[in-house]
Protein backbone atom coordinates (compact mmCIF):
# COMPACT_ATOMS: atom_id res chain seq x y z
CA MET A 1 16.01 -27.99 10.95
CA ASN A 2 12.73 -26.22 10.43
CA SER A 3 12.30 -24.22 7.24
CA PHE A 4 10.44 -20.95 6.94
CA ASP A 5 8.30 -19.72 4.09
CA ALA A 6 7.73 -15.99 3.90
CA ASN A 7 5.97 -15.84 0.58
CA ALA A 8 2.74 -14.31 1.92
CA TRP A 9 2.16 -11.33 4.15
CA GLU A 10 1.19 -12.06 7.73
CA THR A 11 -2.23 -11.01 8.95
CA PRO A 12 -3.33 -10.63 12.56
CA ARG A 13 -4.91 -13.65 14.19
CA SER A 14 -8.23 -13.62 15.98
CA THR A 15 -7.54 -16.82 17.90
CA ALA A 16 -5.15 -17.62 20.72
CA PHE A 17 -1.51 -17.28 19.71
CA THR A 18 0.23 -20.22 18.06
CA PRO A 19 3.68 -20.64 16.51
CA ALA A 20 2.43 -19.29 13.19
CA ALA A 21 3.97 -16.10 11.89
CA PHE A 22 6.12 -13.38 13.38
CA VAL A 23 7.00 -9.91 12.17
CA LEU A 24 9.62 -7.35 13.10
CA ALA A 25 8.37 -3.86 12.49
CA CYS A 26 10.17 -0.58 12.50
CA ALA A 27 8.52 2.45 14.06
CA ALA A 28 6.95 4.72 11.45
CA PHE A 29 7.77 8.41 11.46
CA VAL A 30 5.14 11.09 10.87
CA LEU A 31 5.10 14.85 10.80
CA ALA A 32 4.16 15.44 14.42
CA GLY A 33 5.40 18.02 16.89
CA CYS A 34 7.10 19.86 14.03
CA GLY A 35 6.64 23.33 15.38
CA GLY A 36 2.91 23.69 15.89
CA GLY A 37 -0.30 22.53 14.32
CA GLY A 38 -1.78 19.09 14.12
CA GLY A 39 0.38 16.05 13.59
CA GLY A 40 -0.38 12.42 14.20
CA GLY A 41 -0.56 9.63 11.69
CA GLY A 42 -1.49 11.47 8.53
CA GLY A 43 -3.03 8.36 6.97
CA GLY A 44 -1.40 6.23 4.34
CA GLY A 45 -1.47 3.16 6.56
CA LEU A 46 0.95 4.41 9.18
CA PRO A 47 0.73 2.88 12.66
CA VAL A 48 -1.03 4.88 15.34
CA PHE A 49 0.89 5.77 18.50
CA LEU A 50 -1.53 6.68 21.25
CA PRO A 51 -0.55 8.30 24.55
CA PRO A 52 -2.09 7.24 27.84
CA THR A 53 -4.97 9.11 29.36
CA THR A 54 -6.10 9.31 32.96
CA THR A 55 -9.80 9.60 32.19
CA PRO A 56 -11.65 6.88 34.14
CA PRO A 57 -12.98 4.10 31.89
CA ALA A 58 -16.70 4.06 31.18
CA SER A 59 -17.01 0.49 32.46
CA GLY A 60 -15.21 1.22 35.72
CA GLY A 61 -13.31 -1.48 37.60
CA ASN A 62 -9.79 -1.58 38.98
CA ASP A 63 -8.99 -5.30 39.14
CA ASP A 64 -5.30 -5.54 38.24
CA THR A 65 -4.93 -9.25 38.84
CA ILE A 66 -3.14 -10.75 35.84
CA VAL A 67 -5.18 -13.52 34.26
CA ALA A 68 -4.52 -15.84 31.33
CA SER A 69 -5.34 -13.89 28.18
CA SER A 70 -7.26 -16.87 26.78
CA THR A 71 -9.84 -16.57 29.58
CA VAL A 72 -10.91 -13.07 28.49
CA ALA A 73 -10.05 -13.16 24.77
CA GLY A 74 -12.89 -11.90 22.58
CA LEU A 75 -14.87 -10.37 25.45
CA CYS A 76 -15.55 -7.00 23.87
CA ALA A 77 -17.27 -3.78 24.83
CA ALA A 78 -18.44 -3.52 21.21
CA PRO A 79 -18.45 -7.06 19.75
CA ARG A 80 -18.04 -7.38 15.99
CA THR A 81 -20.80 -9.15 14.08
CA GLY A 82 -20.76 -10.91 10.76
CA THR A 83 -18.04 -12.93 9.07
CA ASN A 84 -14.30 -12.48 9.46
CA PRO A 85 -12.97 -12.00 5.87
CA GLU A 86 -9.68 -13.62 6.90
CA THR A 87 -11.14 -16.90 8.13
CA GLY A 88 -14.59 -17.04 6.53
CA ALA A 89 -16.02 -17.80 9.96
CA ALA A 90 -18.04 -15.65 12.32
CA TYR A 91 -16.08 -13.29 14.54
CA PRO A 92 -15.40 -14.89 17.94
CA ASP A 93 -16.40 -11.73 19.83
CA LYS A 94 -18.79 -11.95 22.75
CA ALA A 95 -20.37 -9.25 24.89
CA GLY A 96 -17.91 -7.95 27.46
CA THR A 97 -16.54 -4.72 28.90
CA LEU A 98 -13.57 -2.42 28.49
CA THR A 99 -12.28 -3.93 31.72
CA ASP A 100 -12.30 -7.36 30.06
CA GLU A 101 -10.36 -5.97 27.11
CA LYS A 102 -7.81 -4.36 29.41
CA ARG A 103 -7.41 -7.60 31.34
CA TRP A 104 -6.75 -9.38 28.04
CA VAL A 105 -4.08 -6.83 27.13
CA ARG A 106 -2.37 -7.22 30.53
CA GLY A 107 -2.43 -11.02 30.37
CA TRP A 108 -1.14 -11.11 26.78
CA ILE A 109 1.73 -8.76 27.64
CA ASP A 110 2.65 -10.89 30.67
CA GLU A 111 2.67 -14.04 28.54
CA THR A 112 4.42 -12.92 25.36
CA TYR A 113 6.26 -9.60 25.87
CA LEU A 114 10.03 -10.06 25.66
CA TRP A 115 10.63 -7.82 28.67
CA TYR A 116 7.48 -8.67 30.66
CA GLY A 117 9.46 -8.46 33.91
CA GLU A 118 10.34 -4.82 33.24
CA VAL A 119 6.74 -3.58 32.94
CA PRO A 120 6.11 -1.30 35.95
CA ALA A 121 4.00 -3.06 38.57
CA THR A 122 2.46 0.24 39.67
CA LEU A 123 0.34 0.72 36.55
CA LYS A 124 -3.40 0.57 37.23
CA ALA A 125 -5.88 -0.37 34.52
CA ALA A 126 -8.50 1.98 35.95
CA ASP A 127 -6.24 4.96 35.23
CA TYR A 128 -6.61 4.40 31.47
CA ALA A 129 -9.81 4.96 29.54
CA THR A 130 -9.32 2.32 26.88
CA PRO A 131 -7.38 -0.90 26.38
CA VAL A 132 -5.28 0.90 23.74
CA ALA A 133 -4.31 3.63 26.22
CA TYR A 134 -3.48 0.96 28.80
CA PHE A 135 -1.45 -1.03 26.27
CA SER A 136 0.60 2.05 25.39
CA VAL A 137 2.22 2.09 28.84
CA LEU A 138 2.60 -1.68 29.31
CA LYS A 139 6.20 -1.77 28.14
CA SER A 140 9.75 -1.54 29.38
CA PRO A 141 10.81 1.93 30.58
CA ALA A 142 14.50 1.09 29.97
CA VAL A 143 16.67 3.13 27.62
CA THR A 144 19.53 2.28 25.28
CA ALA A 145 23.13 3.40 25.75
CA SER A 146 22.35 6.58 23.80
CA GLY A 147 19.34 7.37 26.00
CA ARG A 148 16.65 6.40 23.49
CA ALA A 149 13.75 4.27 24.69
CA LYS A 150 14.62 0.58 24.35
CA ASP A 151 11.07 -0.13 23.21
CA ARG A 152 10.16 2.44 20.55
CA PHE A 153 8.00 0.01 18.62
CA HIS A 154 4.85 -0.51 20.72
CA TYR A 155 1.78 0.29 18.61
CA VAL A 156 -1.72 -0.74 17.55
CA TYR A 157 -3.57 -0.93 14.26
CA ASP A 158 -7.18 -1.38 13.22
CA THR A 159 -7.40 -5.11 12.44
CA GLU A 160 -9.50 -4.87 9.29
CA ARG A 161 -7.39 -2.11 7.81
CA TYR A 162 -4.23 -4.03 8.56
CA ARG A 163 -5.72 -7.17 7.02
CA GLN A 164 -6.45 -5.32 3.80
CA LEU A 165 -2.93 -3.92 3.69
CA SER A 166 -1.51 -7.36 4.39
CA GLN A 167 -3.46 -9.04 1.61
CA ASN A 168 -2.91 -6.33 -0.99
CA GLY A 169 0.68 -5.50 -0.12
CA VAL A 170 0.11 -1.98 -1.42
CA ALA A 171 -1.29 1.32 -0.24
CA PRO A 172 -2.41 4.46 -2.04
CA GLY A 173 0.45 6.68 -3.10
CA TYR A 174 2.02 8.77 -5.83
CA GLY A 175 5.07 6.59 -6.41
CA MET A 176 7.44 9.05 -4.78
CA GLU A 177 9.15 8.63 -1.45
CA PHE A 178 9.25 11.69 0.77
CA ALA A 179 12.32 12.28 2.93
CA PHE A 180 12.60 14.90 5.65
CA VAL A 181 16.12 16.29 5.65
CA ARG A 182 14.88 18.53 8.45
CA ASN A 183 11.50 17.95 10.10
CA SER A 184 11.25 21.04 12.30
CA ARG A 185 10.92 24.56 11.01
CA PRO A 186 12.51 25.56 8.70
CA ARG A 187 11.65 22.14 7.28
CA ASP A 188 13.36 20.55 4.31
CA LEU A 189 11.19 17.92 2.61
CA ARG A 190 12.68 16.22 -0.45
CA ILE A 191 11.82 13.50 -2.93
CA ALA A 192 14.15 10.57 -2.26
CA PHE A 193 13.22 8.52 -5.34
CA THR A 194 10.28 7.68 -7.58
CA GLU A 195 8.82 4.42 -8.82
CA PRO A 196 8.95 3.77 -12.60
CA GLY A 197 5.59 4.31 -14.30
CA SER A 198 4.04 5.98 -11.24
CA PRO A 199 2.06 9.25 -11.23
CA ALA A 200 5.14 11.04 -9.87
CA ALA A 201 7.43 9.62 -12.55
CA SER A 202 4.89 10.47 -15.27
CA ALA A 203 4.87 14.05 -13.97
CA GLY A 204 8.64 14.20 -14.36
CA ILE A 205 9.34 14.43 -10.63
CA ALA A 206 12.81 13.18 -9.72
CA ARG A 207 15.08 12.69 -6.73
CA GLY A 208 16.07 15.89 -5.00
CA ALA A 209 12.97 17.95 -5.75
CA LYS A 210 12.15 20.09 -2.71
CA VAL A 211 8.52 20.31 -1.57
CA LEU A 212 7.67 23.94 -0.84
CA GLU A 213 3.88 23.69 -0.41
CA VAL A 214 1.23 21.00 -0.03
CA ASP A 215 -2.30 22.06 -0.97
CA GLY A 216 -1.22 25.67 -0.56
CA VAL A 217 0.27 25.17 2.92
CA ASP A 218 3.85 26.30 3.45
CA VAL A 219 5.92 23.20 4.25
CA ILE A 220 9.04 25.08 5.31
CA ALA A 221 7.56 27.32 7.98
CA GLY A 222 3.84 26.52 8.12
CA THR A 223 2.00 25.31 11.21
CA ASP A 224 -0.86 23.45 9.49
CA THR A 225 0.80 20.03 9.72
CA ALA A 226 -2.55 18.23 9.42
CA THR A 227 -2.96 19.43 5.83
CA ILE A 228 0.65 18.57 5.02
CA ASN A 229 0.22 15.08 6.46
CA ARG A 230 -2.97 14.48 4.47
CA GLY A 231 -1.21 15.49 1.28
CA ILE A 232 1.91 13.38 1.67
CA SER A 233 0.02 10.35 3.03
CA PRO A 234 -3.13 9.79 0.91
CA THR A 235 -5.57 7.18 2.20
CA THR A 236 -7.70 6.43 -0.87
CA ILE A 237 -7.08 5.68 -4.54
CA GLY A 238 -7.85 8.72 -6.70
CA GLU A 239 -7.35 11.21 -3.89
CA SER A 240 -5.71 14.33 -5.35
CA HIS A 241 -3.31 16.83 -3.79
CA THR A 242 -1.27 19.73 -5.10
CA PHE A 243 2.47 20.14 -4.57
CA LYS A 244 4.65 23.16 -5.22
CA LEU A 245 8.14 21.90 -6.02
CA GLN A 246 11.55 23.49 -6.33
CA GLU A 247 13.65 21.68 -8.92
CA GLY A 248 17.06 23.29 -9.18
CA THR A 249 16.38 27.00 -9.56
CA ALA A 250 12.90 26.52 -11.06
CA THR A 251 9.59 26.04 -9.27
CA ARG A 252 6.36 24.49 -10.50
CA THR A 253 3.04 23.27 -9.11
CA VAL A 254 1.72 19.79 -9.92
CA THR A 255 -1.46 17.97 -8.94
CA LEU A 256 -1.14 14.23 -8.36
CA ALA A 257 -3.85 11.61 -7.88
CA ALA A 258 -3.02 8.71 -5.58
CA ALA A 259 -2.85 5.32 -7.26
CA SER A 260 -2.14 1.73 -6.29
CA ILE A 261 1.61 1.66 -6.77
CA THR A 262 3.46 -1.36 -8.09
CA ARG A 263 6.85 -1.08 -6.50
CA THR A 264 10.11 -1.95 -8.23
CA PRO A 265 12.27 -3.00 -5.28
CA VAL A 266 15.52 -3.51 -7.22
CA GLN A 267 16.69 -0.63 -9.41
CA ASN A 268 19.78 0.89 -11.06
CA VAL A 269 21.74 -2.35 -11.37
CA LYS A 270 25.09 -1.50 -12.95
CA SER A 271 28.81 -2.21 -13.04
CA ILE A 272 31.27 0.61 -12.44
CA ASP A 273 34.88 0.41 -13.60
CA THR A 274 37.39 1.78 -11.12
CA ALA A 275 41.18 1.87 -11.01
CA SER A 276 41.13 -1.05 -8.60
CA GLY A 277 38.60 -3.22 -10.44
CA ARG A 278 34.97 -3.51 -11.44
CA VAL A 279 32.39 -2.75 -8.75
CA GLY A 280 28.72 -3.74 -8.87
CA TYR A 281 25.95 -1.45 -7.63
CA LEU A 282 22.28 -2.07 -6.99
CA LEU A 283 19.56 -0.10 -5.22
CA PHE A 284 17.38 -2.35 -3.05
CA ASN A 285 14.32 -0.67 -1.51
CA ASP A 286 11.93 -3.40 -0.31
CA HIS A 287 12.17 -7.00 0.93
CA ILE A 288 8.93 -7.97 -0.82
CA THR A 289 8.03 -11.14 -2.71
CA THR A 290 8.72 -9.70 -6.17
CA SER A 291 12.22 -8.68 -5.11
CA GLU A 292 13.49 -12.27 -5.08
CA THR A 293 13.48 -12.67 -8.87
CA GLN A 294 14.78 -9.14 -9.33
CA LEU A 295 17.67 -9.78 -6.92
CA ILE A 296 18.54 -13.06 -8.63
CA ASN A 297 18.54 -11.33 -12.03
CA ALA A 298 20.69 -8.51 -10.65
CA VAL A 299 23.26 -10.88 -9.16
CA ASN A 300 23.39 -12.89 -12.40
CA GLN A 301 23.98 -9.65 -14.34
CA LEU A 302 26.75 -8.52 -11.98
CA LYS A 303 28.30 -11.98 -12.01
CA GLN A 304 28.36 -11.93 -15.81
CA ASP A 305 29.99 -8.51 -15.67
CA GLY A 306 32.75 -9.98 -13.51
CA VAL A 307 32.42 -7.59 -10.59
CA GLN A 308 35.01 -7.90 -7.86
CA ASP A 309 33.08 -5.96 -5.23
CA LEU A 310 29.53 -4.83 -4.50
CA VAL A 311 27.93 -1.64 -3.24
CA LEU A 312 24.47 -2.55 -1.93
CA ASP A 313 22.32 0.56 -1.52
CA MET A 314 19.76 -0.04 1.26
CA ARG A 315 19.60 3.51 2.62
CA TYR A 316 15.81 3.53 2.12
CA ASN A 317 15.04 -0.14 2.79
CA GLY A 318 12.79 -0.42 5.86
CA GLY A 319 12.63 -4.21 5.79
CA GLY A 320 10.17 -6.89 4.78
CA GLN A 321 10.44 -10.63 4.36
CA LEU A 322 13.27 -12.15 6.33
CA ASN A 323 13.69 -15.01 3.88
CA ILE A 324 14.43 -12.47 1.14
CA ALA A 325 17.13 -11.02 3.41
CA SER A 326 18.56 -14.49 3.94
CA ARG A 327 18.69 -15.20 0.19
CA LEU A 328 20.30 -11.83 -0.52
CA ALA A 329 23.00 -12.49 2.06
CA THR A 330 23.57 -15.94 0.57
CA MET A 331 24.04 -14.48 -2.92
CA VAL A 332 26.57 -11.96 -1.61
CA ALA A 333 28.72 -14.47 0.28
CA SER A 334 30.42 -17.76 -0.54
CA SER A 335 29.04 -21.22 0.18
CA THR A 336 32.03 -21.77 2.47
CA ALA A 337 30.92 -18.84 4.65
CA THR A 338 27.20 -19.67 4.81
CA SER A 339 26.69 -23.42 4.27
CA GLY A 340 25.05 -24.94 7.34
CA LYS A 341 25.28 -21.62 9.23
CA THR A 342 22.55 -19.69 11.02
CA PHE A 343 21.32 -16.54 9.32
CA GLU A 344 19.27 -15.51 12.35
CA ARG A 345 17.98 -17.10 15.53
CA LEU A 346 14.88 -15.84 17.34
CA VAL A 347 15.15 -15.41 21.12
CA PHE A 348 11.90 -15.27 23.14
CA ASN A 349 11.23 -14.66 26.82
CA ASP A 350 11.86 -17.44 29.34
CA LYS A 351 8.23 -18.59 29.11
CA ASN A 352 8.72 -19.69 25.46
CA PRO A 353 5.22 -18.34 24.76
CA PHE A 354 4.88 -19.82 21.27
CA HIS A 355 6.20 -23.26 22.31
CA LEU A 356 8.87 -23.43 19.60
CA THR A 357 11.59 -26.05 19.56
CA PRO A 358 15.19 -24.79 19.26
CA ALA A 359 15.21 -25.86 15.59
CA GLN A 360 12.09 -23.79 14.90
CA THR A 361 13.83 -20.62 16.03
CA ILE A 362 16.56 -20.93 13.40
CA ILE A 363 16.45 -19.16 10.03
CA PRO A 364 19.19 -20.57 7.78
CA PHE A 365 21.09 -18.98 4.91
CA HIS A 366 18.78 -20.18 2.14
CA ALA A 367 20.81 -21.59 -0.75
CA THR A 368 17.86 -21.96 -3.14
CA SER A 369 14.99 -19.77 -4.32
CA ARG A 370 11.41 -20.41 -3.29
CA ALA A 371 11.10 -22.49 -6.44
CA GLY A 372 14.05 -24.65 -5.37
CA VAL A 373 16.56 -23.25 -7.89
CA THR A 374 20.14 -22.86 -6.66
CA LEU A 375 20.94 -19.21 -6.06
CA PRO A 376 23.80 -17.48 -7.90
CA ARG A 377 26.64 -16.21 -5.73
CA LEU A 378 29.09 -13.33 -5.97
CA ASP A 379 31.40 -15.17 -3.54
CA LEU A 380 32.50 -11.97 -1.82
CA SER A 381 34.39 -11.79 1.44
CA GLN A 382 33.37 -8.15 1.90
CA VAL A 383 30.55 -5.85 0.82
CA THR A 384 29.81 -2.15 1.21
CA VAL A 385 26.27 -1.17 2.21
CA LEU A 386 24.92 2.37 1.87
CA VAL A 387 22.77 3.01 4.95
CA GLY A 388 20.86 5.60 6.96
CA PRO A 389 18.08 5.88 9.55
CA ASP A 390 15.61 4.25 7.12
CA THR A 391 17.78 1.13 6.90
CA CYS A 392 15.83 -1.03 9.28
CA SER A 393 14.76 -4.46 10.46
CA ALA A 394 15.32 -7.07 7.72
CA SER A 395 17.94 -4.80 6.14
CA GLU A 396 19.82 -4.70 9.43
CA SER A 397 19.56 -8.50 9.52
CA VAL A 398 21.52 -8.68 6.26
CA ILE A 399 24.30 -6.64 7.86
CA ASN A 400 24.27 -8.46 11.20
CA SER A 401 24.02 -11.94 9.74
CA LEU A 402 26.84 -11.47 7.23
CA ARG A 403 29.04 -10.19 10.03
CA GLY A 404 28.00 -13.26 11.99
CA VAL A 405 29.78 -15.48 9.42
CA ASP A 406 32.82 -13.18 9.13
CA VAL A 407 31.93 -11.37 5.91
CA GLN A 408 33.33 -7.84 6.22
CA VAL A 409 30.47 -5.34 5.93
CA ASN A 410 31.48 -1.71 5.46
CA LEU A 411 28.74 0.85 6.10
CA VAL A 412 28.68 4.25 4.37
CA GLY A 413 26.12 6.93 5.27
CA GLY A 414 24.37 7.35 8.63
CA ALA A 415 23.47 5.15 11.58
CA THR A 416 20.76 2.55 10.89
CA CYS A 417 17.42 2.58 12.73
CA GLY A 418 18.19 -0.06 15.40
CA LYS A 419 15.46 -2.72 15.24
CA PRO A 420 16.63 -6.23 16.23
CA TYR A 421 13.28 -7.01 17.87
CA GLY A 422 10.10 -8.57 16.65
CA PHE A 423 6.48 -9.40 17.32
CA SER A 424 3.43 -11.24 16.07
CA PRO A 425 0.44 -8.90 15.71
CA GLN A 426 -2.49 -10.14 17.79
CA ASP A 427 -6.11 -9.17 17.22
CA ASN A 428 -8.58 -8.73 20.05
CA CYS A 429 -11.97 -7.05 19.58
CA GLY A 430 -10.99 -5.42 16.28
CA THR A 431 -7.65 -3.97 17.35
CA SER A 432 -4.33 -5.58 16.43
CA TYR A 433 -1.67 -5.13 19.11
CA PHE A 434 2.04 -5.09 18.28
CA ALA A 435 4.41 -5.67 21.20
CA ILE A 436 8.03 -6.86 21.13
CA GLN A 437 8.15 -10.63 21.63
CA PHE A 438 11.59 -11.69 20.45
CA GLN A 439 15.06 -10.58 19.45
CA GLY A 440 17.00 -11.75 16.40
CA VAL A 441 20.65 -12.74 16.85
CA ASN A 442 23.26 -13.84 14.32
CA ALA A 443 25.50 -16.92 14.24
CA LYS A 444 27.71 -15.30 16.89
CA ASN A 445 24.66 -14.69 19.11
CA PHE A 446 24.89 -10.94 18.59
CA GLY A 447 21.74 -8.87 18.27
CA ASP A 448 22.26 -5.89 20.55
CA TYR A 449 22.02 -2.97 18.15
CA GLY A 450 19.13 -1.01 19.61
CA ASP A 451 20.94 2.22 18.68
CA GLY A 452 21.54 0.98 15.14
CA PHE A 453 24.77 0.16 13.35
CA ALA A 454 27.22 3.06 13.21
CA PRO A 455 28.59 3.82 9.75
CA THR A 456 32.18 2.96 8.91
CA CYS A 457 32.23 6.21 6.96
CA THR A 458 29.79 9.04 7.77
CA VAL A 459 28.45 10.72 4.64
CA ALA A 460 25.31 12.87 4.35
CA ASP A 461 22.59 11.86 1.90
CA ASP A 462 23.19 13.64 -1.40
CA PHE A 463 19.95 14.80 -3.01
CA ASP A 464 21.77 16.65 -5.80
CA HIS A 465 22.70 13.45 -7.64
CA ALA A 466 20.69 10.46 -8.84
CA LEU A 467 20.95 7.20 -6.95
CA GLY A 468 23.58 5.07 -8.66
CA ASP A 469 25.48 8.06 -10.03
CA PRO A 470 29.18 7.49 -9.18
CA ALA A 471 29.31 11.16 -8.19
CA GLU A 472 26.55 10.73 -5.55
CA ALA A 473 28.27 11.38 -2.21
CA ARG A 474 27.68 8.02 -0.51
CA LEU A 475 28.47 5.94 -3.59
CA ALA A 476 31.50 8.11 -4.35
CA ALA A 477 32.80 7.54 -0.83
CA ALA A 478 32.26 3.78 -1.15
CA LEU A 479 34.21 3.70 -4.42
CA ALA A 480 36.98 5.82 -2.92
CA MET A 481 37.19 3.49 0.08
CA ARG A 482 37.74 0.58 -2.28
CA SER A 483 40.63 2.42 -3.90
CA GLY A 484 42.15 3.93 -0.77
CA GLY A 485 40.99 1.50 1.90
CA ALA A 486 39.72 4.23 4.23
CA CYS A 487 36.88 6.70 4.54
CA PRO A 488 37.75 9.76 2.46
CA ALA A 489 38.47 12.64 4.82
CA THR A 490 36.82 15.09 2.42
CA ALA A 491 33.60 13.10 2.42
CA SER A 492 33.32 12.95 6.21
CA ALA A 493 34.38 16.56 6.68
CA LYS A 494 31.82 17.72 4.15
CA ALA A 495 29.03 15.71 5.77
CA LEU A 496 29.63 16.32 9.45
CA PRO A 497 28.48 19.95 9.85
CA GLY A 498 25.01 19.19 8.48
CA LEU A 499 24.74 15.95 10.40
CA GLU A 500 25.79 17.54 13.67
CA LYS A 501 23.20 20.26 13.30
CA SER A 502 20.51 17.72 12.48
CA GLU A 503 21.38 15.34 15.31
CA ALA A 504 21.54 18.20 17.81
CA ALA A 505 17.86 18.76 17.13
CA GLY A 506 17.15 15.04 17.43
CA GLU A 507 16.74 14.72 13.67
CA GLN A 508 18.14 12.77 10.77
CA PRO A 509 16.72 12.49 7.27
CA TYR A 510 14.00 9.85 7.17
CA LEU A 511 11.29 8.69 4.81
CA LEU A 512 7.58 9.21 5.19
CA HIS A 513 4.53 7.46 3.75
CA ARG A 514 5.46 3.92 4.77
CA THR A 515 2.83 1.29 5.54
CA PRO A 516 3.51 -1.29 8.27
CA LEU A 517 4.20 -3.83 5.53
CA ARG A 518 7.20 -1.81 4.38
CA GLU A 519 8.65 -1.37 7.85
CA ILE A 520 8.85 -4.95 9.05
CA ARG A 521 10.82 -8.12 9.20
CA LEU A 522 8.38 -10.82 8.22
CA LEU A 523 8.54 -14.59 8.33
CA GLU A 524 6.09 -17.42 8.49
CA ALA A 525 7.05 -20.54 10.43
CA ALA A 526 5.84 -24.06 9.88
CA PRO A 527 3.20 -25.25 12.37
CA SER A 528 4.41 -26.57 15.68
CA PRO A 529 4.74 -30.39 15.72
CA GLY A 530 1.70 -32.06 17.23
């Protein structure tokens, strides 16, 4: 069986695709179409979603014959010069046209896109001004059972900017996560949590604070969304913005300078005594490299405490390294449940575009750390996970894969984001293209959760209590379920009115200011055998 090492972030490749590294990325949300004003990405490393345009391309041409992408790769309307920082070699770009770039996009989609047969055959390259505009429509038009687009994850990113994000693993920020409880007017923008030692934490900002103004612009009813976006998604270190906050009944204005934030992915590890036994709790926010040691330490602490159950809080975990997800699942379950079992299998289109053997598509339940040390186990047959629309990608893999080996996973909160699909970002002419290329399935071959996983117990996010506080609504419901065995009627009844109003407007609370590296499922495969 092939092993996977996800210790380093993936960067886009400037050569023809090979079985190197694959990522699953969750669509990023931005303040756009929120009742007037600007919108769009807002900076902070968020992906750019570009609509098609019907302006004729400057280079002309309407040849829609699909060619092998390798025959037009690197033929660029504006070739890059100099050295590629990723490889140390000269860029492979040669003089070409926008038509060449569009032909590359069409060929690459036909070769690697999971649903290449569903791309409408009526699309004409000449109807789109740029390869990015053309790419934006080269996807499946199908919808999920709920009516959402099946492919909500098609996007592009500037290659150099993405490379820098990939290598650094960080982006400018204040160390506070913004969550829109309501993203259309009257908006409700809250602080979901802060990072220890960050500018936000140093300013005394805590979970639940409501953002009233950004740089003097009214967040609740204002139409200048461009200014709001710039403030909540800084793009450079040292960039300063002013926030008017409501904290309880008091208001204050603070100015924060963006910094390079060191994230603490595992927080609030504790044991809670209940009438039916001791329950462990941990908040897990990011599947990043540093989380492995923190997760191992947390499980060792909970094991020492003799916990009989676990509440795993991943309501804000957008994903990350798939091998971290595998190790977390292993530490939750018993060796009997996971030994020799598949954590996740990757399913590609019928062309097998990356030429992987069946063994190379398997991600196991890793029983050891990256350093080869045997992982501690809680040996649980069930676990409760606190979830919401920001629970995505690798986090959903933890849920799906544990269910695949018959570990009971109870979900408390809201529906997850629905991202069982993945891709390998591909560079061409300075743009990295992200298109769905595979689906992840568990040991029971299940991976159809495009509408997300529905909660076992629906409970609204509670911004009036700290995360990890037994009185916080979602954690309180999880503890009550352990005692009573069912979702507390009072919890669901209390949550439903707000949720129904939000969902009627197509909204649920979600986080902002996420870079692509925090919204992905990432793994790096061993090279294909010669």
